[in-house]
Amino acid sequence: MVGDPVDYRCSSYQINRLGTESKLLSPQPLSLPLGMLKAERLANYRQFLQSEATQELLFDIRYALNKGLLPGTERFKSELEELTARRIRPSQRTSSRP
């Protein structure tokens, strides 16, 4: 393990955060909407990485992953289900008991 992600040679961190060129890795497509210019994308990506996750967010992520569910907002889940034509949320069980 390394103390700083920048020290890990095979990580996309150097490309997405520092703008390092690579023959093996390319910038994450999800980082492209972060800005029109490369410098703007890098700055916004750095800002995103510096933000801390709240305890509530970490709880929600852990809970979803432990249950085999997808973390995210209802809107995100609905859009993903529509795009993939697959159910990603547990089905609502109805009980015949009163």
Protein backbone atom coordinates (compact mmCIF):
# COMPACT_ATOMS: atom_id res chain seq x y z
CA MET A 1 0.00 0.00 0.00
CA VAL A 2 1.02 3.59 -0.50
CA GLY A 3 0.54 6.56 1.78
CA ASP A 4 -0.76 8.83 -1.00
CA PRO A 5 -2.78 7.74 -4.06
CA VAL A 6 -0.45 9.74 -6.30
CA ASP A 7 2.32 7.26 -5.39
CA TYR A 8 0.39 4.32 -6.86
CA ARG A 9 1.65 4.09 -10.44
CA CYS A 10 -1.21 2.01 -11.87
CA SER A 11 -4.03 4.20 -10.60
CA SER A 12 -6.28 6.46 -12.64
CA TYR A 13 -5.82 9.00 -9.84
CA GLN A 14 -2.78 10.51 -11.57
CA ILE A 15 -4.74 10.94 -14.80
CA ASN A 16 -7.99 12.24 -13.33
CA ARG A 17 -6.53 14.41 -10.58
CA LEU A 18 -3.14 15.48 -11.90
CA GLY A 19 -3.71 15.31 -15.66
CA THR A 20 -0.81 12.91 -16.23
CA GLU A 21 -0.77 11.42 -19.73
CA SER A 22 -0.84 7.62 -20.01
CA LYS A 23 -0.66 5.07 -22.80
CA LEU A 24 -2.54 2.53 -20.68
CA LEU A 25 -5.22 4.54 -18.93
CA SER A 26 -7.58 7.25 -20.08
CA PRO A 27 -9.62 9.80 -18.13
CA GLN A 28 -12.83 8.45 -16.68
CA PRO A 29 -15.73 9.30 -19.01
CA LEU A 30 -17.71 10.41 -15.96
CA SER A 31 -15.16 13.15 -15.33
CA LEU A 32 -15.78 14.80 -18.71
CA PRO A 33 -18.90 16.71 -17.59
CA LEU A 34 -16.84 18.32 -14.83
CA GLY A 35 -15.66 20.99 -17.25
CA MET A 36 -15.12 21.99 -20.85
CA LEU A 37 -11.37 22.43 -20.44
CA LYS A 38 -8.95 19.88 -19.04
CA ALA A 39 -7.75 22.30 -16.33
CA GLU A 40 -11.35 22.92 -15.25
CA ARG A 41 -12.09 19.16 -15.06
CA LEU A 42 -8.95 18.55 -13.01
CA ALA A 43 -9.77 21.35 -10.58
CA ASN A 44 -13.35 20.16 -10.11
CA TYR A 45 -12.20 16.55 -9.67
CA ARG A 46 -9.69 17.65 -7.00
CA GLN A 47 -12.42 19.61 -5.22
CA PHE A 48 -14.70 16.57 -5.31
CA LEU A 49 -12.00 14.34 -3.80
CA GLN A 50 -11.36 16.82 -0.99
CA SER A 51 -14.98 16.78 0.14
CA GLU A 52 -15.71 14.42 3.00
CA ALA A 53 -18.53 11.93 3.02
CA THR A 54 -21.02 12.39 5.83
CA GLN A 55 -21.63 9.60 8.32
CA GLU A 56 -25.17 9.31 6.94
CA LEU A 57 -23.89 8.81 3.40
CA LEU A 58 -21.37 6.20 4.53
CA PHE A 59 -24.13 4.38 6.46
CA ASP A 60 -26.41 4.40 3.40
CA ILE A 61 -23.64 3.04 1.15
CA ARG A 62 -22.65 0.30 3.61
CA TYR A 63 -26.28 -0.68 4.22
CA ALA A 64 -27.06 -0.93 0.52
CA LEU A 65 -23.92 -2.89 -0.32
CA ASN A 66 -24.37 -5.29 2.60
CA LYS A 67 -27.91 -5.98 1.40
CA GLY A 68 -26.82 -6.37 -2.23
CA LEU A 69 -28.67 -3.19 -3.17
CA LEU A 70 -27.62 -0.15 -5.12
CA PRO A 71 -26.97 3.03 -3.16
CA GLY A 72 -28.34 6.27 -4.57
CA THR A 73 -31.39 8.45 -4.81
CA GLU A 74 -34.73 7.13 -5.99
CA ARG A 75 -34.38 9.23 -9.14
CA PHE A 76 -30.97 7.67 -9.87
CA LYS A 77 -32.32 4.16 -9.31
CA SER A 78 -35.36 4.81 -11.52
CA GLU A 79 -33.22 6.20 -14.33
CA LEU A 80 -30.81 3.29 -14.09
CA GLU A 81 -33.65 0.77 -14.18
CA GLU A 82 -35.04 2.49 -17.26
CA LEU A 83 -31.67 2.61 -19.02
CA THR A 84 -30.78 -1.01 -18.29
CA ALA A 85 -34.30 -2.46 -18.45
CA ARG A 86 -33.43 -4.32 -15.24
CA ARG A 87 -34.79 -4.13 -11.72
CA ILE A 88 -32.15 -2.91 -9.29
CA ARG A 89 -34.33 -2.43 -6.23
CA PRO A 90 -35.88 -5.20 -4.19
CA SER A 91 -39.44 -5.97 -5.14
CA GLN A 92 -42.13 -4.76 -2.78
CA ARG A 93 -43.51 -7.77 -0.97
CA THR A 94 -47.14 -7.72 -0.12
CA SER A 95 -48.35 -9.64 2.84
CA SER A 96 -51.65 -11.49 2.85
CA ARG A 97 -51.70 -11.24 6.64
CA PRO A 98 -53.81 -8.47 8.23
